[in-house]
Structures are given as C-alpha cells and as structure tokens.
Amino acid sequence: MAAAGSYNLAWCHSNGSGANQPGSLLVNGTQTVSILAFNTTTDYVTWVEVSTTNLSAGQNTIRLEATLATGLSNIDYLN
C-alpha cells in the first residue's frame, strides 16, 4: 500500500449452507475484525462481496480464519 489508511477488502463468497459462516480477519498478525459475517447466499453458485479494514503502508499479510467448526463460506477471491 502506498499509504496507511482504511481500504475496502472485497471477499467474494458463496454460502449455500443456510447459516452464517463468519470469519475473523487478521492483518500483520493482529486481529482487526473479530466477526466478519459471510451470510447465506441463495446457493453455492451465487456470489456476494463483503468488505472491511485498515492497512499499513507497505506490504501487509492478510489472513482470514473461520470462527466456527463448520468453517468459512466458499471464498472465490479477495479484491
């Protein structure tokens, strides 16, 4: 990143499980979002984007972790 600040991270996901499959977001090893909702979509072929967080200037390490034993939604890409 050229400068530190608030940036949108768009996680494109699909969740046909019938239940929210939340995750927590870590940036550079620090949890920045404790509950990032990946709500249900109509099925596993409908894709929705979820956004959030702050980034430091320079290189950042981004990690998304499941918060439930059922795992995360199906993640297609991070934009």
N, C-alpha and C. Protein backbone atom coordinates (compact mmCIF):
# COMPACT_ATOMS: atom_id res chain seq x y z
N MET A 1 0.84 -1.15 0.00
CA MET A 1 0.00 0.00 0.00
C MET A 1 0.90 1.23 0.00
N ALA A 2 0.51 2.19 -0.78
CA ALA A 2 1.28 3.43 -0.85
C ALA A 2 1.20 4.21 0.46
N ALA A 3 0.04 4.18 1.11
CA ALA A 3 -0.13 4.92 2.36
C ALA A 3 -1.02 4.13 3.31
N ALA A 4 -0.78 4.30 4.61
CA ALA A 4 -1.63 3.66 5.61
C ALA A 4 -3.02 4.29 5.56
N GLY A 5 -4.03 3.49 5.85
CA GLY A 5 -5.38 4.03 5.88
C GLY A 5 -6.43 2.96 5.78
N SER A 6 -7.66 3.39 5.63
CA SER A 6 -8.80 2.50 5.52
C SER A 6 -8.98 2.09 4.06
N TYR A 7 -9.03 0.78 3.84
CA TYR A 7 -9.18 0.23 2.50
C TYR A 7 -10.29 -0.80 2.50
N ASN A 8 -11.01 -0.88 1.41
CA ASN A 8 -12.03 -1.92 1.26
C ASN A 8 -11.37 -3.20 0.76
N LEU A 9 -11.63 -4.28 1.47
CA LEU A 9 -11.22 -5.61 1.03
C LEU A 9 -12.50 -6.33 0.66
N ALA A 10 -12.66 -6.68 -0.58
CA ALA A 10 -13.88 -7.34 -1.04
C ALA A 10 -13.64 -8.83 -1.15
N TRP A 11 -14.23 -9.58 -0.24
CA TRP A 11 -14.15 -11.04 -0.27
C TRP A 11 -15.36 -11.54 -1.06
N CYS A 12 -15.15 -12.08 -2.21
CA CYS A 12 -16.25 -12.63 -2.99
C CYS A 12 -16.51 -14.04 -2.48
N HIS A 13 -17.74 -14.29 -2.01
CA HIS A 13 -18.03 -15.59 -1.40
C HIS A 13 -19.40 -16.10 -1.80
N SER A 14 -19.56 -17.40 -1.60
CA SER A 14 -20.83 -18.08 -1.82
C SER A 14 -21.09 -18.97 -0.61
N ASN A 15 -22.32 -18.94 -0.08
CA ASN A 15 -22.63 -19.72 1.11
C ASN A 15 -24.04 -20.28 0.99
N GLY A 16 -24.15 -21.48 0.53
CA GLY A 16 -25.45 -22.14 0.39
C GLY A 16 -25.78 -23.03 1.57
N SER A 17 -25.05 -22.88 2.69
CA SER A 17 -25.24 -23.76 3.85
C SER A 17 -26.53 -23.50 4.62
N GLY A 18 -27.12 -22.31 4.45
CA GLY A 18 -28.30 -21.96 5.21
C GLY A 18 -28.00 -21.24 6.51
N ALA A 19 -26.71 -21.04 6.83
CA ALA A 19 -26.33 -20.35 8.07
C ALA A 19 -25.12 -19.46 7.81
N ASN A 20 -25.02 -18.38 8.59
CA ASN A 20 -23.84 -17.51 8.53
C ASN A 20 -22.59 -18.33 8.85
N GLN A 21 -21.53 -18.14 8.10
CA GLN A 21 -20.26 -18.81 8.37
C GLN A 21 -19.20 -17.72 8.55
N PRO A 22 -19.16 -17.10 9.74
CA PRO A 22 -18.30 -15.95 9.96
C PRO A 22 -16.82 -16.30 10.03
N GLY A 23 -16.02 -15.26 9.82
CA GLY A 23 -14.58 -15.40 9.94
C GLY A 23 -14.03 -14.24 10.74
N SER A 24 -12.78 -14.35 11.15
CA SER A 24 -12.09 -13.22 11.76
C SER A 24 -10.96 -12.83 10.82
N LEU A 25 -10.66 -11.55 10.79
CA LEU A 25 -9.67 -11.01 9.87
C LEU A 25 -8.45 -10.57 10.65
N LEU A 26 -7.28 -11.05 10.23
CA LEU A 26 -6.02 -10.65 10.83
C LEU A 26 -5.17 -9.94 9.79
N VAL A 27 -4.60 -8.81 10.16
CA VAL A 27 -3.69 -8.08 9.28
C VAL A 27 -2.37 -7.95 10.02
N ASN A 28 -1.31 -8.46 9.41
CA ASN A 28 0.02 -8.44 10.02
C ASN A 28 0.03 -9.07 11.40
N GLY A 29 -0.75 -10.16 11.56
CA GLY A 29 -0.78 -10.91 12.80
C GLY A 29 -1.70 -10.37 13.88
N THR A 30 -2.35 -9.24 13.63
CA THR A 30 -3.25 -8.64 14.61
C THR A 30 -4.69 -8.74 14.13
N GLN A 31 -5.56 -9.20 15.01
CA GLN A 31 -6.98 -9.30 14.63
C GLN A 31 -7.55 -7.90 14.47
N THR A 32 -8.06 -7.61 13.28
CA THR A 32 -8.65 -6.29 13.00
C THR A 32 -10.17 -6.35 12.97
N VAL A 33 -10.73 -7.51 12.68
CA VAL A 33 -12.18 -7.71 12.70
C VAL A 33 -12.42 -9.06 13.37
N SER A 34 -13.16 -9.05 14.50
CA SER A 34 -13.37 -10.31 15.21
C SER A 34 -14.46 -11.16 14.58
N ILE A 35 -15.50 -10.52 14.04
CA ILE A 35 -16.58 -11.26 13.37
C ILE A 35 -16.87 -10.59 12.03
N LEU A 36 -16.48 -11.26 10.96
CA LEU A 36 -16.77 -10.81 9.60
C LEU A 36 -17.83 -11.76 9.06
N ALA A 37 -19.06 -11.28 8.90
CA ALA A 37 -20.18 -12.13 8.52
C ALA A 37 -20.10 -12.55 7.05
N PHE A 38 -20.25 -13.83 6.82
CA PHE A 38 -20.41 -14.37 5.48
C PHE A 38 -21.79 -15.03 5.47
N ASN A 39 -22.79 -14.17 5.32
CA ASN A 39 -24.19 -14.63 5.38
C ASN A 39 -24.52 -15.54 4.21
N THR A 40 -25.65 -16.22 4.35
CA THR A 40 -26.06 -17.16 3.32
C THR A 40 -26.36 -16.45 2.01
N THR A 41 -26.09 -17.16 0.94
CA THR A 41 -26.49 -16.75 -0.40
C THR A 41 -27.55 -17.77 -0.84
N THR A 42 -28.12 -17.57 -1.96
CA THR A 42 -29.19 -18.46 -2.42
C THR A 42 -28.72 -19.91 -2.56
N ASP A 43 -27.48 -20.09 -3.00
CA ASP A 43 -26.92 -21.41 -3.26
C ASP A 43 -25.40 -21.27 -3.33
N TYR A 44 -24.74 -22.28 -3.85
CA TYR A 44 -23.28 -22.22 -3.95
C TYR A 44 -22.81 -21.68 -5.30
N VAL A 45 -23.69 -21.14 -6.10
CA VAL A 45 -23.28 -20.53 -7.37
C VAL A 45 -23.63 -19.04 -7.43
N THR A 46 -24.16 -18.51 -6.32
CA THR A 46 -24.45 -17.08 -6.21
C THR A 46 -23.33 -16.45 -5.38
N TRP A 47 -22.68 -15.42 -5.92
CA TRP A 47 -21.52 -14.82 -5.26
C TRP A 47 -21.85 -13.41 -4.77
N VAL A 48 -21.42 -13.09 -3.55
CA VAL A 48 -21.67 -11.79 -2.91
C VAL A 48 -20.33 -11.27 -2.38
N GLU A 49 -20.14 -9.94 -2.35
CA GLU A 49 -18.91 -9.36 -1.81
C GLU A 49 -19.13 -8.79 -0.42
N VAL A 50 -18.16 -9.01 0.47
CA VAL A 50 -18.14 -8.50 1.83
C VAL A 50 -16.86 -7.66 1.96
N SER A 51 -16.95 -6.49 2.59
CA SER A 51 -15.79 -5.59 2.63
C SER A 51 -15.48 -5.11 4.04
N THR A 52 -14.20 -4.76 4.26
CA THR A 52 -13.75 -4.08 5.50
C THR A 52 -12.24 -3.84 5.52
N THR A 53 -11.49 -3.09 6.21
CA THR A 53 -10.34 -2.94 7.12
C THR A 53 -9.33 -1.84 6.86
N ASN A 54 -8.42 -1.68 7.83
CA ASN A 54 -7.32 -0.71 7.73
C ASN A 54 -6.05 -1.45 7.39
N LEU A 55 -5.20 -0.83 6.57
CA LEU A 55 -3.92 -1.42 6.20
C LEU A 55 -2.80 -0.43 6.47
N SER A 56 -1.61 -0.97 6.73
CA SER A 56 -0.42 -0.15 6.93
C SER A 56 0.20 0.18 5.58
N ALA A 57 1.05 1.19 5.56
CA ALA A 57 1.81 1.48 4.34
C ALA A 57 2.76 0.31 4.09
N GLY A 58 3.04 0.00 2.84
CA GLY A 58 3.94 -1.10 2.50
C GLY A 58 3.22 -2.42 2.38
N GLN A 59 3.94 -3.50 2.58
CA GLN A 59 3.40 -4.85 2.42
C GLN A 59 2.60 -5.25 3.66
N ASN A 60 1.47 -5.92 3.46
CA ASN A 60 0.62 -6.40 4.54
C ASN A 60 0.35 -7.88 4.35
N THR A 61 0.28 -8.62 5.46
CA THR A 61 -0.11 -10.03 5.43
C THR A 61 -1.55 -10.11 5.91
N ILE A 62 -2.43 -10.67 5.08
CA ILE A 62 -3.86 -10.73 5.38
C ILE A 62 -4.24 -12.20 5.56
N ARG A 63 -4.93 -12.49 6.67
CA ARG A 63 -5.36 -13.85 6.96
C ARG A 63 -6.82 -13.84 7.38
N LEU A 64 -7.59 -14.74 6.81
CA LEU A 64 -8.99 -14.91 7.15
C LEU A 64 -9.13 -16.28 7.81
N GLU A 65 -9.69 -16.31 9.03
CA GLU A 65 -9.83 -17.56 9.78
C GLU A 65 -11.30 -17.82 10.10
N ALA A 66 -11.70 -19.07 10.03
CA ALA A 66 -13.05 -19.47 10.43
C ALA A 66 -13.21 -19.28 11.93
N THR A 67 -14.38 -18.87 12.37
CA THR A 67 -14.65 -18.73 13.80
C THR A 67 -15.54 -19.85 14.31
N LEU A 68 -16.06 -20.68 13.42
CA LEU A 68 -16.90 -21.82 13.80
C LEU A 68 -16.29 -23.12 13.27
N ALA A 69 -16.63 -24.22 13.90
CA ALA A 69 -16.13 -25.53 13.47
C ALA A 69 -16.62 -25.89 12.07
N THR A 70 -17.72 -25.28 11.62
CA THR A 70 -18.26 -25.58 10.30
C THR A 70 -17.45 -24.93 9.18
N GLY A 71 -16.51 -24.07 9.52
CA GLY A 71 -15.63 -23.47 8.52
C GLY A 71 -16.17 -22.18 7.95
N LEU A 72 -15.50 -21.72 6.91
CA LEU A 72 -15.87 -20.48 6.22
C LEU A 72 -16.80 -20.73 5.07
N SER A 73 -17.33 -19.67 4.58
CA SER A 73 -18.05 -19.67 3.31
C SER A 73 -17.06 -20.04 2.20
N ASN A 74 -17.53 -20.37 1.02
CA ASN A 74 -16.64 -20.62 -0.12
C ASN A 74 -16.10 -19.27 -0.61
N ILE A 75 -14.80 -19.06 -0.49
CA ILE A 75 -14.18 -17.81 -0.90
C ILE A 75 -13.63 -17.99 -2.31
N ASP A 76 -14.07 -17.11 -3.22
CA ASP A 76 -13.61 -17.17 -4.60
C ASP A 76 -12.38 -16.29 -4.80
N TYR A 77 -12.45 -15.03 -4.31
CA TYR A 77 -11.29 -14.14 -4.46
C TYR A 77 -11.34 -13.00 -3.46
N LEU A 78 -10.21 -12.38 -3.27
CA LEU A 78 -10.07 -11.16 -2.48
C LEU A 78 -9.68 -10.06 -3.44
N ASN A 79 -10.43 -8.98 -3.43
CA ASN A 79 -10.15 -7.86 -4.33
C ASN A 79 -9.83 -6.62 -3.51
